[in-house]
Amino acid sequence: MNNGEGEADRTGAYVLGHSGGEIERLKAQARLIDPITRRILNEAGVVPGMRVLDVGSGAGDVAFLAADLVGPDGEVVGVDRASTAVDAARARAGERSLRNVRFLAGDPAEMTFERPFDAVIGRYVLQFQKDPARMLRRLADRARPGGLVVFHELDWGGPSSFPPAPTYDRCRRWGVETLRAHGTETRMGSKLHSTFVEAGLSPPSMRLEAPIGGGEKAADMLRLVSSLIATLLPEIERLGVATGVEIDVDTLFDRMQRESAEGSNVFFGHLQIGAWSRT
């Protein structure tokens, strides 16, 4: 999930939290998903020299992508409500000696910035909002007239595996049920078009991709799913979605790997959908 640590108007507590383990999960997620986000930003028109606001910046990965695209003459400001995430992002920026990106703690829909941005971007942010269109409208106000608004969101629907891989399929189901119980919009990616229009933006251009693989090529995807279930485990048990014994998180990845090695399964990741428009 994301970078979207849950800005204002979120339905409730950000169920994934902001622990050190969750920051590491976000970094692992970025290694798998960043190429997709980069293609979305490229196609949307994020170019050198732009000033970009990254909302719900989490561990900083989307901001780092944007910083690479805008170059030394551009600027990226990453904002997140969680100070622990901001601290981690700042440390990572320092390790990379990046001079064109900075991170702030706060709610970008409420904060005052010195001047408008050429682009407002976010990954896995709107799915956590109580009213995504209202939030998008407020965030779009941070862009200059004619500026870009670009969001990358998930659709947790779609195929899971073929032929069916029982453990992986159960993980997908546990994740969706738990997130929905906390108010997460698990079909947010497919609702981006209507959300942009409801927010008063022009109908967006859109792009869809999804991770897919089998055998050894699926290892990173399986590892990411198992780490998500580990993060959600307390809530999965509290809600009665599954028991700790049933999940057996310590062997979960190995069991999925074993299923993959024993069969000819193809594993489908969540649908990754980008949408962009101009103010």
C-alpha atoms as a PDB file:
ATOM      1  CA  MET A   1       0.000   0.000   0.000  1.00  0.00           C
ATOM      2  CA  ASN A   2       1.540   2.999   0.265  1.00  0.00           C
ATOM      3  CA  ASN A   3       2.698   5.858   0.313  1.00  0.00           C
ATOM      4  CA  GLY A   4      -0.719   7.099   1.269  1.00  0.00           C
ATOM      5  CA  GLU A   5      -0.339   7.392   4.962  1.00  0.00           C
ATOM      6  CA  GLY A   6      -3.819   8.855   4.999  1.00  0.00           C
ATOM      7  CA  GLU A   7      -4.246  12.599   4.691  1.00  0.00           C
ATOM      8  CA  ALA A   8      -7.206  14.554   6.082  1.00  0.00           C
ATOM      9  CA  ASP A   9     -10.697  13.156   5.600  1.00  0.00           C
ATOM     10  CA  ARG A  10      -9.531   9.561   5.921  1.00  0.00           C
ATOM     11  CA  THR A  11     -12.164   7.113   7.131  1.00  0.00           C
ATOM     12  CA  GLY A  12     -10.279   6.083  10.261  1.00  0.00           C
ATOM     13  CA  ALA A  13      -6.865   5.073  11.490  1.00  0.00           C
ATOM     14  CA  TYR A  14      -4.394   4.165   8.774  1.00  0.00           C
ATOM     15  CA  VAL A  15      -4.516   0.432   9.376  1.00  0.00           C
ATOM     16  CA  LEU A  16      -1.017  -0.247   8.001  1.00  0.00           C
ATOM     17  CA  GLY A  17       0.585   2.022  10.588  1.00  0.00           C
ATOM     18  CA  HIS A  18       4.010   3.695  10.477  1.00  0.00           C
ATOM     19  CA  SER A  19       6.310   1.240  12.246  1.00  0.00           C
ATOM     20  CA  GLY A  20       9.853   0.573  11.156  1.00  0.00           C
ATOM     21  CA  GLY A  21       8.655  -2.704   9.670  1.00  0.00           C
ATOM     22  CA  GLU A  22       5.994  -0.916   7.654  1.00  0.00           C
ATOM     23  CA  ILE A  23       8.555   1.573   6.319  1.00  0.00           C
ATOM     24  CA  GLU A  24      10.650  -1.395   5.169  1.00  0.00           C
ATOM     25  CA  ARG A  25       7.561  -2.931   3.531  1.00  0.00           C
ATOM     26  CA  LEU A  26       6.949   0.319   1.642  1.00  0.00           C
ATOM     27  CA  LYS A  27      10.529   0.296   0.383  1.00  0.00           C
ATOM     28  CA  ALA A  28      10.165  -3.312  -0.818  1.00  0.00           C
ATOM     29  CA  GLN A  29       6.847  -2.423  -2.450  1.00  0.00           C
ATOM     30  CA  ALA A  30       8.534   0.455  -4.260  1.00  0.00           C
ATOM     31  CA  ARG A  31      11.118  -1.848  -5.819  1.00  0.00           C
ATOM     32  CA  LEU A  32       8.286  -3.751  -7.496  1.00  0.00           C
ATOM     33  CA  ILE A  33       5.940  -0.864  -8.300  1.00  0.00           C
ATOM     34  CA  ASP A  34       8.238   2.113  -9.012  1.00  0.00           C
ATOM     35  CA  PRO A  35       8.721   1.253 -12.718  1.00  0.00           C
ATOM     36  CA  ILE A  36       4.937   1.445 -13.179  1.00  0.00           C
ATOM     37  CA  THR A  37       4.682   4.762 -11.342  1.00  0.00           C
ATOM     38  CA  ARG A  38       7.559   6.161 -13.402  1.00  0.00           C
ATOM     39  CA  ARG A  39       5.764   5.275 -16.635  1.00  0.00           C
ATOM     40  CA  ILE A  40       2.581   6.953 -15.362  1.00  0.00           C
ATOM     41  CA  LEU A  41       4.456  10.131 -14.421  1.00  0.00           C
ATOM     42  CA  ASN A  42       6.318  10.154 -17.734  1.00  0.00           C
ATOM     43  CA  GLU A  43       3.168   9.722 -19.784  1.00  0.00           C
ATOM     44  CA  ALA A  44       1.343  12.343 -17.709  1.00  0.00           C
ATOM     45  CA  GLY A  45       4.023  14.899 -18.540  1.00  0.00           C
ATOM     46  CA  VAL A  46       6.201  15.337 -15.453  1.00  0.00           C
ATOM     47  CA  VAL A  47       9.304  16.892 -17.023  1.00  0.00           C
ATOM     48  CA  PRO A  48      12.547  18.652 -16.060  1.00  0.00           C
ATOM     49  CA  GLY A  49      12.214  21.951 -14.263  1.00  0.00           C
ATOM     50  CA  MET A  50       8.801  21.280 -12.713  1.00  0.00           C
ATOM     51  CA  ARG A  51       7.876  22.004  -9.106  1.00  0.00           C
ATOM     52  CA  VAL A  52       6.020  18.928  -7.778  1.00  0.00           C
ATOM     53  CA  LEU A  53       3.991  18.204  -4.640  1.00  0.00           C
ATOM     54  CA  ASP A  54       3.950  14.524  -3.617  1.00  0.00           C
ATOM     55  CA  VAL A  55       1.108  13.890  -1.156  1.00  0.00           C
ATOM     56  CA  GLY A  56       1.172  11.028   1.337  1.00  0.00           C
ATOM     57  CA  SER A  57       4.865  10.643   0.562  1.00  0.00           C
ATOM     58  CA  GLY A  58       5.534   7.850   3.063  1.00  0.00           C
ATOM     59  CA  ALA A  59       9.118   6.610   2.856  1.00  0.00           C
ATOM     60  CA  GLY A  60       9.770   8.960  -0.066  1.00  0.00           C
ATOM     61  CA  ASP A  61       9.900   6.623  -3.047  1.00  0.00           C
ATOM     62  CA  VAL A  62       7.476   8.506  -5.308  1.00  0.00           C
ATOM     63  CA  ALA A  63       9.152  11.792  -4.413  1.00  0.00           C
ATOM     64  CA  PHE A  64      12.507  10.289  -5.400  1.00  0.00           C
ATOM     65  CA  LEU A  65      11.059   9.217  -8.753  1.00  0.00           C
ATOM     66  CA  ALA A  66       9.700  12.700  -9.336  1.00  0.00           C
ATOM     67  CA  ALA A  67      13.012  14.270  -8.295  1.00  0.00           C
ATOM     68  CA  ASP A  68      14.769  12.223 -10.951  1.00  0.00           C
ATOM     69  CA  LEU A  69      12.251  13.309 -13.585  1.00  0.00           C
ATOM     70  CA  VAL A  70      12.310  17.040 -12.775  1.00  0.00           C
ATOM     71  CA  GLY A  71      16.098  17.126 -12.516  1.00  0.00           C
ATOM     72  CA  PRO A  72      18.359  19.612 -10.728  1.00  0.00           C
ATOM     73  CA  ASP A  73      16.372  22.607 -11.983  1.00  0.00           C
ATOM     74  CA  GLY A  74      13.121  21.230 -10.563  1.00  0.00           C
ATOM     75  CA  GLU A  75      11.880  20.771  -7.016  1.00  0.00           C
ATOM     76  CA  VAL A  76       9.848  18.121  -5.212  1.00  0.00           C
ATOM     77  CA  VAL A  77       8.094  18.655  -1.891  1.00  0.00           C
ATOM     78  CA  GLY A  78       6.908  15.470  -0.190  1.00  0.00           C
ATOM     79  CA  VAL A  79       4.290  15.782   2.551  1.00  0.00           C
ATOM     80  CA  ASP A  80       3.014  13.174   4.978  1.00  0.00           C
ATOM     81  CA  ARG A  81       1.047  13.371   8.214  1.00  0.00           C
ATOM     82  CA  ALA A  82       3.273  10.796   9.920  1.00  0.00           C
ATOM     83  CA  SER A  83       6.456  12.278  11.363  1.00  0.00           C
ATOM     84  CA  THR A  84       8.091   8.837  11.463  1.00  0.00           C
ATOM     85  CA  ALA A  85       7.614   8.490   7.704  1.00  0.00           C
ATOM     86  CA  VAL A  86       8.927  12.023   7.106  1.00  0.00           C
ATOM     87  CA  ASP A  87      12.019  11.294   9.222  1.00  0.00           C
ATOM     88  CA  ALA A  88      12.685   8.115   7.224  1.00  0.00           C
ATOM     89  CA  ALA A  89      12.235   9.926   3.904  1.00  0.00           C
ATOM     90  CA  ARG A  90      14.576  12.730   4.960  1.00  0.00           C
ATOM     91  CA  ALA A  91      17.236  10.227   6.009  1.00  0.00           C
ATOM     92  CA  ARG A  92      16.968   8.398   2.692  1.00  0.00           C
ATOM     93  CA  ALA A  93      17.195  11.672   0.754  1.00  0.00           C
ATOM     94  CA  GLY A  94      20.343  12.509   2.699  1.00  0.00           C
ATOM     95  CA  GLU A  95      21.844   9.111   1.900  1.00  0.00           C
ATOM     96  CA  ARG A  96      21.210   9.820  -1.786  1.00  0.00           C
ATOM     97  CA  SER A  97      22.588  13.383  -1.552  1.00  0.00           C
ATOM     98  CA  LEU A  98      19.437  14.719  -3.197  1.00  0.00           C
ATOM     99  CA  ARG A  99      19.251  18.495  -3.270  1.00  0.00           C
ATOM    100  CA  ASN A 100      15.987  18.912  -5.202  1.00  0.00           C
ATOM    101  CA  VAL A 101      13.627  17.159  -2.774  1.00  0.00           C
ATOM    102  CA  ARG A 102      12.478  17.987   0.756  1.00  0.00           C
ATOM    103  CA  PHE A 103       9.933  16.476   3.109  1.00  0.00           C
ATOM    104  CA  LEU A 104       7.432  18.152   5.416  1.00  0.00           C
ATOM    105  CA  ALA A 105       5.104  16.784   8.081  1.00  0.00           C
ATOM    106  CA  GLY A 106       1.491  17.884   7.792  1.00  0.00           C
ATOM    107  CA  ASP A 107      -1.716  17.728   5.808  1.00  0.00           C
ATOM    108  CA  PRO A 108      -1.151  19.095   2.270  1.00  0.00           C
ATOM    109  CA  ALA A 109      -4.835  19.949   1.943  1.00  0.00           C
ATOM    110  CA  GLU A 110      -4.501  22.289   4.932  1.00  0.00           C
ATOM    111  CA  MET A 111      -0.929  23.548   4.620  1.00  0.00           C
ATOM    112  CA  THR A 112       0.096  26.848   3.065  1.00  0.00           C
ATOM    113  CA  PHE A 113       2.862  26.740   0.458  1.00  0.00           C
ATOM    114  CA  GLU A 114       4.904  29.652  -0.829  1.00  0.00           C
ATOM    115  CA  ARG A 115       3.595  29.227  -4.375  1.00  0.00           C
ATOM    116  CA  PRO A 116       1.526  26.791  -6.473  1.00  0.00           C
ATOM    117  CA  PHE A 117       2.971  23.606  -7.944  1.00  0.00           C
ATOM    118  CA  ASP A 118       3.313  22.555 -11.565  1.00  0.00           C
ATOM    119  CA  ALA A 119       2.114  19.074 -10.608  1.00  0.00           C
ATOM    120  CA  VAL A 120       0.406  17.391  -7.659  1.00  0.00           C
ATOM    121  CA  ILE A 121       1.011  13.649  -7.500  1.00  0.00           C
ATOM    122  CA  GLY A 122       0.284  10.737  -5.184  1.00  0.00           C
ATOM    123  CA  ARG A 123       0.391   6.949  -4.987  1.00  0.00           C
ATOM    124  CA  TYR A 124      -2.067   4.849  -2.950  1.00  0.00           C
ATOM    125  CA  VAL A 125      -3.512   7.928  -1.241  1.00  0.00           C
ATOM    126  CA  LEU A 126      -7.117   8.376  -2.362  1.00  0.00           C
ATOM    127  CA  GLN A 127      -8.086   4.815  -1.439  1.00  0.00           C
ATOM    128  CA  PHE A 128      -7.772   5.754   2.235  1.00  0.00           C
ATOM    129  CA  GLN A 129      -9.969   8.862   2.084  1.00  0.00           C
ATOM    130  CA  LYS A 130     -13.525   9.064   3.378  1.00  0.00           C
ATOM    131  CA  ASP A 131     -14.407  11.353   0.442  1.00  0.00           C
ATOM    132  CA  PRO A 132     -11.797  10.895  -2.322  1.00  0.00           C
ATOM    133  CA  ALA A 133     -13.352  13.479  -4.659  1.00  0.00           C
ATOM    134  CA  ARG A 134     -13.390  16.166  -1.973  1.00  0.00           C
ATOM    135  CA  MET A 135      -9.779  15.405  -1.079  1.00  0.00           C
ATOM    136  CA  LEU A 136      -8.747  15.439  -4.747  1.00  0.00           C
ATOM    137  CA  ARG A 137     -10.475  18.799  -5.239  1.00  0.00           C
ATOM    138  CA  ARG A 138      -8.581  20.282  -2.300  1.00  0.00           C
ATOM    139  CA  LEU A 139      -5.261  18.850  -3.449  1.00  0.00           C
ATOM    140  CA  ALA A 140      -5.807  20.083  -7.015  1.00  0.00           C
ATOM    141  CA  ASP A 141      -6.045  23.596  -5.585  1.00  0.00           C
ATOM    142  CA  ARG A 142      -2.343  23.289  -4.768  1.00  0.00           C
ATOM    143  CA  ALA A 143      -1.546  23.160  -8.500  1.00  0.00           C
ATOM    144  CA  ARG A 144      -1.179  26.257 -10.660  1.00  0.00           C
ATOM    145  CA  PRO A 145      -3.784  26.943 -13.374  1.00  0.00           C
ATOM    146  CA  GLY A 146      -3.099  24.395 -16.087  1.00  0.00           C
ATOM    147  CA  GLY A 147      -1.023  22.294 -13.700  1.00  0.00           C
ATOM    148  CA  LEU A 148      -0.973  18.497 -13.635  1.00  0.00           C
ATOM    149  CA  VAL A 149      -2.847  16.293 -11.180  1.00  0.00           C
ATOM    150  CA  VAL A 150      -1.581  12.695 -11.273  1.00  0.00           C
ATOM    151  CA  PHE A 151      -2.648   9.798  -9.052  1.00  0.00           C
ATOM    152  CA  HIS A 152      -1.674   6.122  -9.046  1.00  0.00           C
ATOM    153  CA  GLU A 153      -4.158   3.894  -7.229  1.00  0.00           C
ATOM    154  CA  LEU A 154      -4.983   0.207  -6.825  1.00  0.00           C
ATOM    155  CA  ASP A 155      -7.877  -1.953  -7.813  1.00  0.00           C
ATOM    156  CA  TRP A 156      -7.815  -5.022  -5.593  1.00  0.00           C
ATOM    157  CA  GLY A 157     -10.226  -6.856  -7.881  1.00  0.00           C
ATOM    158  CA  GLY A 158      -9.304  -8.808 -10.985  1.00  0.00           C
ATOM    159  CA  PRO A 159      -7.742 -12.256 -11.284  1.00  0.00           C
ATOM    160  CA  SER A 160      -5.619 -13.648  -8.482  1.00  0.00           C
ATOM    161  CA  SER A 161      -3.890 -16.771  -9.798  1.00  0.00           C
ATOM    162  CA  PHE A 162      -4.291 -19.366 -12.528  1.00  0.00           C
ATOM    163  CA  PRO A 163      -4.537 -22.236 -11.998  1.00  0.00           C
ATOM    164  CA  PRO A 164      -5.712 -21.330  -8.481  1.00  0.00           C
ATOM    165  CA  ALA A 165      -2.966 -21.165  -5.842  1.00  0.00           C
ATOM    166  CA  PRO A 166      -4.917 -21.609  -2.596  1.00  0.00           C
ATOM    167  CA  THR A 167      -2.556 -19.905  -0.148  1.00  0.00           C
ATOM    168  CA  TYR A 168      -1.952 -16.865  -2.344  1.00  0.00           C
ATOM    169  CA  ASP A 169      -5.660 -16.546  -3.117  1.00  0.00           C
ATOM    170  CA  ARG A 170      -6.522 -16.679   0.590  1.00  0.00           C
ATOM    171  CA  CYS A 171      -3.964 -13.961   1.312  1.00  0.00           C
ATOM    172  CA  ARG A 172      -5.557 -11.724  -1.282  1.00  0.00           C
ATOM    173  CA  ARG A 173      -8.983 -12.328   0.250  1.00  0.00           C
ATOM    174  CA  TRP A 174      -7.775 -11.721   3.824  1.00  0.00           C
ATOM    175  CA  GLY A 175      -6.159  -8.462   2.781  1.00  0.00           C
ATOM    176  CA  VAL A 176      -9.213  -7.144   0.955  1.00  0.00           C
ATOM    177  CA  GLU A 177     -11.654  -8.070   3.738  1.00  0.00           C
ATOM    178  CA  THR A 178      -9.501  -6.431   6.401  1.00  0.00           C
ATOM    179  CA  LEU A 179      -8.906  -3.232   4.474  1.00  0.00           C
ATOM    180  CA  ARG A 180     -12.572  -2.901   3.563  1.00  0.00           C
ATOM    181  CA  ALA A 181     -13.496  -3.274   7.224  1.00  0.00           C
ATOM    182  CA  HIS A 182     -11.391  -0.163   7.867  1.00  0.00           C
ATOM    183  CA  GLY A 183     -13.075   1.809   5.107  1.00  0.00           C
ATOM    184  CA  THR A 184     -10.426   1.421   2.413  1.00  0.00           C
ATOM    185  CA  GLU A 185     -11.810   1.809  -1.110  1.00  0.00           C
ATOM    186  CA  THR A 186     -10.333  -1.338  -2.659  1.00  0.00           C
ATOM    187  CA  ARG A 187     -11.645  -0.423  -6.135  1.00  0.00           C
ATOM    188  CA  MET A 188     -10.169   3.100  -6.073  1.00  0.00           C
ATOM    189  CA  GLY A 189      -8.150   2.618  -9.235  1.00  0.00           C
ATOM    190  CA  SER A 190     -11.241   1.881 -11.286  1.00  0.00           C
ATOM    191  CA  LYS A 191     -13.039   4.818  -9.665  1.00  0.00           C
ATOM    192  CA  LEU A 192     -10.380   7.375 -10.602  1.00  0.00           C
ATOM    193  CA  HIS A 193     -12.263   8.545 -13.706  1.00  0.00           C
ATOM    194  CA  SER A 194     -15.463   9.325 -11.811  1.00  0.00           C
ATOM    195  CA  THR A 195     -13.485  10.777  -8.883  1.00  0.00           C
ATOM    196  CA  PHE A 196     -11.613  13.224 -11.125  1.00  0.00           C
ATOM    197  CA  VAL A 197     -14.860  14.342 -12.747  1.00  0.00           C
ATOM    198  CA  GLU A 198     -16.634  14.697  -9.390  1.00  0.00           C
ATOM    199  CA  ALA A 199     -13.686  16.767  -8.159  1.00  0.00           C
ATOM    200  CA  GLY A 200     -14.298  19.234 -10.987  1.00  0.00           C
ATOM    201  CA  LEU A 201     -11.352  18.139 -13.129  1.00  0.00           C
ATOM    202  CA  SER A 202     -11.607  17.214 -16.784  1.00  0.00           C
ATOM    203  CA  PRO A 203     -11.972  13.487 -17.563  1.00  0.00           C
ATOM    204  CA  PRO A 204      -8.496  12.037 -17.009  1.00  0.00           C
ATOM    205  CA  SER A 205      -6.196  10.127 -19.273  1.00  0.00           C
ATOM    206  CA  MET A 206      -5.557   6.703 -17.769  1.00  0.00           C
ATOM    207  CA  ARG A 207      -3.080   3.830 -17.794  1.00  0.00           C
ATOM    208  CA  LEU A 208      -3.379   0.294 -16.416  1.00  0.00           C
ATOM    209  CA  GLU A 209      -0.626  -2.198 -15.627  1.00  0.00           C
ATOM    210  CA  ALA A 210      -0.274  -5.140 -13.264  1.00  0.00           C
ATOM    211  CA  PRO A 211       2.607  -7.262 -11.972  1.00  0.00           C
ATOM    212  CA  ILE A 212       2.382 -10.846 -13.183  1.00  0.00           C
ATOM    213  CA  GLY A 213       4.678 -13.843 -12.976  1.00  0.00           C
ATOM    214  CA  GLY A 214       5.197 -17.487 -12.173  1.00  0.00           C
ATOM    215  CA  GLY A 215       7.900 -19.599 -10.590  1.00  0.00           C
ATOM    216  CA  GLU A 216      10.974 -17.639  -9.520  1.00  0.00           C
ATOM    217  CA  LYS A 217       9.657 -14.571 -11.358  1.00  0.00           C
ATOM    218  CA  ALA A 218       6.824 -14.320  -8.828  1.00  0.00           C
ATOM    219  CA  ALA A 219       9.026 -14.352  -5.705  1.00  0.00           C
ATOM    220  CA  ASP A 220       9.018 -10.593  -5.112  1.00  0.00           C
ATOM    221  CA  MET A 221       5.247 -10.443  -5.490  1.00  0.00           C
ATOM    222  CA  LEU A 222       4.709 -13.330  -3.074  1.00  0.00           C
ATOM    223  CA  ARG A 223       7.105 -11.812  -0.557  1.00  0.00           C
ATOM    224  CA  LEU A 224       5.249  -8.502  -0.711  1.00  0.00           C
ATOM    225  CA  VAL A 225       1.886 -10.191  -0.155  1.00  0.00           C
ATOM    226  CA  SER A 226       3.197 -12.144   2.831  1.00  0.00           C
ATOM    227  CA  SER A 227       4.645  -8.970   4.389  1.00  0.00           C
ATOM    228  CA  LEU A 228       1.308  -7.196   3.928  1.00  0.00           C
ATOM    229  CA  ILE A 229      -0.495 -10.007   5.740  1.00  0.00           C
ATOM    230  CA  ALA A 230       2.108  -9.856   8.524  1.00  0.00           C
ATOM    231  CA  THR A 231       1.424  -6.129   8.914  1.00  0.00           C
ATOM    232  CA  LEU A 232      -2.335  -6.677   8.951  1.00  0.00           C
ATOM    233  CA  LEU A 233      -2.244  -9.768  11.179  1.00  0.00           C
ATOM    234  CA  PRO A 234      -3.451  -8.115  14.410  1.00  0.00           C
ATOM    235  CA  GLU A 235      -6.451  -6.635  12.612  1.00  0.00           C
ATOM    236  CA  ILE A 236      -7.133  -9.827  10.654  1.00  0.00           C
ATOM    237  CA  GLU A 237      -7.405 -11.694  13.951  1.00  0.00           C
ATOM    238  CA  ARG A 238      -9.342  -8.956  15.745  1.00  0.00           C
ATOM    239  CA  LEU A 239     -11.930  -8.802  12.962  1.00  0.00           C
ATOM    240  CA  GLY A 240     -12.234 -12.585  12.747  1.00  0.00           C
ATOM    241  CA  VAL A 241     -11.174 -12.658   9.104  1.00  0.00           C
ATOM    242  CA  ALA A 242      -8.743 -15.514   9.852  1.00  0.00           C
ATOM    243  CA  THR A 243      -6.842 -16.934  12.806  1.00  0.00           C
ATOM    244  CA  GLY A 244      -3.140 -16.687  13.482  1.00  0.00           C
ATOM    245  CA  VAL A 245      -2.892 -20.478  13.335  1.00  0.00           C
ATOM    246  CA  GLU A 246      -4.601 -20.538   9.956  1.00  0.00           C
ATOM    247  CA  ILE A 247      -2.279 -17.860   8.582  1.00  0.00           C
ATOM    248  CA  ASP A 248       0.953 -19.088  10.255  1.00  0.00           C
ATOM    249  CA  VAL A 249       2.755 -15.948   9.148  1.00  0.00           C
ATOM    250  CA  ASP A 250       6.244 -17.356   9.836  1.00  0.00           C
ATOM    251  CA  THR A 251       5.815 -19.974   7.084  1.00  0.00           C
ATOM    252  CA  LEU A 252       3.463 -18.028   4.813  1.00  0.00           C
ATOM    253  CA  PHE A 253       5.983 -16.982   2.173  1.00  0.00           C
ATOM    254  CA  ASP A 254       7.580 -20.443   2.085  1.00  0.00           C
ATOM    255  CA  ARG A 255       4.183 -22.076   1.585  1.00  0.00           C
ATOM    256  CA  MET A 256       3.365 -19.793  -1.316  1.00  0.00           C
ATOM    257  CA  GLN A 257       6.796 -20.444  -2.792  1.00  0.00           C
ATOM    258  CA  ARG A 258       6.247 -24.181  -2.468  1.00  0.00           C
ATOM    259  CA  GLU A 259       2.882 -23.955  -4.227  1.00  0.00           C
ATOM    260  CA  SER A 260       4.545 -21.975  -6.980  1.00  0.00           C
ATOM    261  CA  ALA A 261       7.351 -24.509  -7.399  1.00  0.00           C
ATOM    262  CA  GLU A 262       4.995 -27.493  -7.425  1.00  0.00           C
ATOM    263  CA  GLY A 263       2.572 -26.103  -9.977  1.00  0.00           C
ATOM    264  CA  SER A 264       2.480 -24.031 -13.135  1.00  0.00           C
ATOM    265  CA  ASN A 265       0.615 -21.156 -11.511  1.00  0.00           C
ATOM    266  CA  VAL A 266       0.654 -17.624 -12.806  1.00  0.00           C
ATOM    267  CA  PHE A 267       0.259 -15.019 -10.061  1.00  0.00           C
ATOM    268  CA  PHE A 268      -1.493 -11.738 -10.774  1.00  0.00           C
ATOM    269  CA  GLY A 269      -0.699  -8.627  -8.753  1.00  0.00           C
ATOM    270  CA  HIS A 270      -3.239  -5.914  -8.031  1.00  0.00           C
ATOM    271  CA  LEU A 271      -4.297  -3.702 -10.924  1.00  0.00           C
ATOM    272  CA  GLN A 272      -2.169  -0.544 -10.950  1.00  0.00           C
ATOM    273  CA  ILE A 273      -4.130   2.344 -12.453  1.00  0.00           C
ATOM    274  CA  GLY A 274      -2.879   5.849 -13.136  1.00  0.00           C
ATOM    275  CA  ALA A 275      -5.004   8.873 -13.991  1.00  0.00           C
ATOM    276  CA  TRP A 276      -4.027  12.422 -14.815  1.00  0.00           C
ATOM    277  CA  SER A 277      -5.641  15.667 -15.842  1.00  0.00           C
ATOM    278  CA  ARG A 278      -4.940  19.405 -15.741  1.00  0.00           C
ATOM    279  CA  THR A 279      -6.501  22.052 -13.583  1.00  0.00           C
END
